[in-house]
Amino acid sequence: MQGLSLRTQARLWYWQRMSATVLALCVFVHLGVILYAVHSGLSAASLLGRTRGNLVFGAFYALFVLACTIHVPVGLLRIAEEWLHWRGKSAQLACLAFSAVLAVMGLRAVYGVVM
């Protein structure tokens, strides 16, 4: 990545791999929850009834959202550089802004389902 030091590139690589590990675990658990809900015949109302006030559920999905907010912008920065030839501070700021929007929207959804 042009404009980024080798140290910064290594850190971005590290954080994307670590967030990918968390995301893999979260997706696995999320799919398990979906399968359980479908096989149990739970309705949307009963699902929301189970999630209201459930702080473990909220913490899990907040972790899921935060892992996405770390993982996605690093990948977008690489895509911006390689496919769009968009480099520099403007690309970095755009990816950072996207990360902030993703975090706000995701955490707002978790709050809405849990609280």
Protein backbone atom coordinates (compact mmCIF):
# COMPACT_ATOMS: atom_id res chain seq x y z
CA MET A 1 0.00 0.00 0.00
CA GLN A 2 1.57 3.18 -1.14
CA GLY A 3 1.89 5.82 1.53
CA LEU A 4 1.68 3.38 4.43
CA SER A 5 4.82 2.35 6.28
CA LEU A 6 5.80 -1.29 6.36
CA ARG A 7 5.02 -1.33 10.07
CA THR A 8 1.49 0.01 9.45
CA GLN A 9 0.95 -2.52 6.66
CA ALA A 10 2.04 -5.32 8.99
CA ARG A 11 -0.35 -4.09 11.69
CA LEU A 12 -3.23 -3.90 9.23
CA TRP A 13 -2.43 -7.42 8.04
CA TYR A 14 -2.36 -8.65 11.65
CA TRP A 15 -5.65 -6.99 12.61
CA GLN A 16 -7.41 -8.25 9.52
CA ARG A 17 -6.30 -11.82 10.23
CA MET A 18 -7.26 -11.60 13.90
CA SER A 19 -10.66 -10.12 13.07
CA ALA A 20 -11.15 -12.87 10.45
CA THR A 21 -10.59 -15.45 13.17
CA VAL A 22 -13.21 -13.82 15.40
CA LEU A 23 -15.60 -13.47 12.44
CA ALA A 24 -15.25 -17.16 11.56
CA LEU A 25 -16.20 -18.16 15.09
CA CYS A 26 -19.08 -15.64 15.17
CA VAL A 27 -20.47 -16.84 11.83
CA PHE A 28 -20.32 -20.45 13.04
CA VAL A 29 -22.24 -19.60 16.22
CA HIS A 30 -24.68 -17.36 14.33
CA LEU A 31 -25.50 -20.15 11.87
CA GLY A 32 -26.02 -22.49 14.81
CA VAL A 33 -28.49 -20.04 16.34
CA ILE A 34 -30.32 -19.76 13.02
CA LEU A 35 -30.54 -23.55 12.66
CA TYR A 36 -31.80 -23.88 16.23
CA ALA A 37 -34.45 -21.19 15.69
CA VAL A 38 -35.65 -22.70 12.41
CA HIS A 39 -35.79 -26.26 13.72
CA SER A 40 -37.54 -25.11 16.88
CA GLY A 41 -40.17 -23.25 14.87
CA LEU A 42 -39.55 -19.98 16.69
CA SER A 43 -41.40 -16.93 15.41
CA ALA A 44 -39.86 -13.46 15.13
CA ALA A 45 -41.81 -12.38 18.20
CA SER A 46 -40.55 -15.29 20.26
CA LEU A 47 -36.97 -14.65 19.10
CA LEU A 48 -37.19 -11.01 20.12
CA GLY A 49 -38.71 -12.09 23.41
CA ARG A 50 -35.66 -14.24 24.08
CA THR A 51 -33.18 -11.53 23.12
CA ARG A 52 -34.69 -8.70 25.17
CA GLY A 53 -32.43 -7.97 28.11
CA ASN A 54 -30.07 -10.84 27.23
CA LEU A 55 -26.66 -9.27 27.81
CA VAL A 56 -24.77 -12.37 26.65
CA PHE A 57 -26.59 -12.22 23.32
CA GLY A 58 -25.87 -8.49 23.10
CA ALA A 59 -22.18 -8.93 23.95
CA PHE A 60 -21.78 -11.69 21.37
CA TYR A 61 -23.36 -9.69 18.56
CA ALA A 62 -21.52 -6.52 19.61
CA LEU A 63 -18.28 -8.49 19.28
CA PHE A 64 -19.48 -9.67 15.86
CA VAL A 65 -20.09 -6.06 14.79
CA LEU A 66 -16.76 -4.83 16.14
CA ALA A 67 -14.89 -7.60 14.33
CA CYS A 68 -16.63 -6.48 11.12
CA THR A 69 -15.66 -2.86 11.73
CA ILE A 70 -12.02 -3.90 11.94
CA HIS A 71 -12.00 -6.45 9.12
CA VAL A 72 -14.02 -4.73 6.40
CA PRO A 73 -12.21 -1.38 6.06
CA VAL A 74 -8.79 -3.04 5.80
CA GLY A 75 -10.08 -5.14 2.92
CA LEU A 76 -11.77 -2.14 1.33
CA LEU A 77 -8.51 -0.23 1.46
CA ARG A 78 -6.78 -3.02 -0.45
CA ILE A 79 -9.62 -3.13 -2.99
CA ALA A 80 -9.47 0.66 -3.41
CA GLU A 81 -5.76 0.42 -4.06
CA GLU A 82 -5.67 -2.62 -6.33
CA TRP A 83 -8.87 -2.29 -8.34
CA LEU A 84 -9.64 1.42 -8.30
CA HIS A 85 -6.04 2.71 -8.08
CA TRP A 86 -7.24 4.95 -5.25
CA ARG A 87 -4.40 5.60 -2.83
CA GLY A 88 -3.47 8.01 -0.14
CA LYS A 89 -5.20 9.75 2.72
CA SER A 90 -8.52 10.12 0.91
CA ALA A 91 -8.85 6.35 0.46
CA GLN A 92 -7.84 5.77 4.07
CA LEU A 93 -10.35 8.33 5.33
CA ALA A 94 -13.12 6.87 3.16
CA CYS A 95 -12.48 3.40 4.59
CA LEU A 96 -12.33 4.79 8.11
CA ALA A 97 -15.64 6.61 7.57
CA PHE A 98 -17.19 3.41 6.24
CA SER A 99 -15.95 1.60 9.35
CA ALA A 100 -17.55 4.22 11.60
CA VAL A 101 -20.88 3.95 9.75
CA LEU A 102 -20.73 0.16 9.96
CA ALA A 103 -20.06 0.32 13.70
CA VAL A 104 -22.88 2.77 14.40
CA MET A 105 -25.42 0.86 12.30
CA GLY A 106 -24.43 -2.54 13.68
CA LEU A 107 -24.30 -1.52 17.32
CA ARG A 108 -27.60 0.32 16.91
CA ALA A 109 -29.16 -2.89 15.58
CA VAL A 110 -27.77 -4.89 18.51
CA TYR A 111 -29.10 -2.29 20.93
CA GLY A 112 -32.51 -2.38 19.24
CA VAL A 113 -32.77 -6.15 19.52
CA VAL A 114 -31.42 -6.45 23.07
CA MET A 115 -32.81 -3.38 24.84
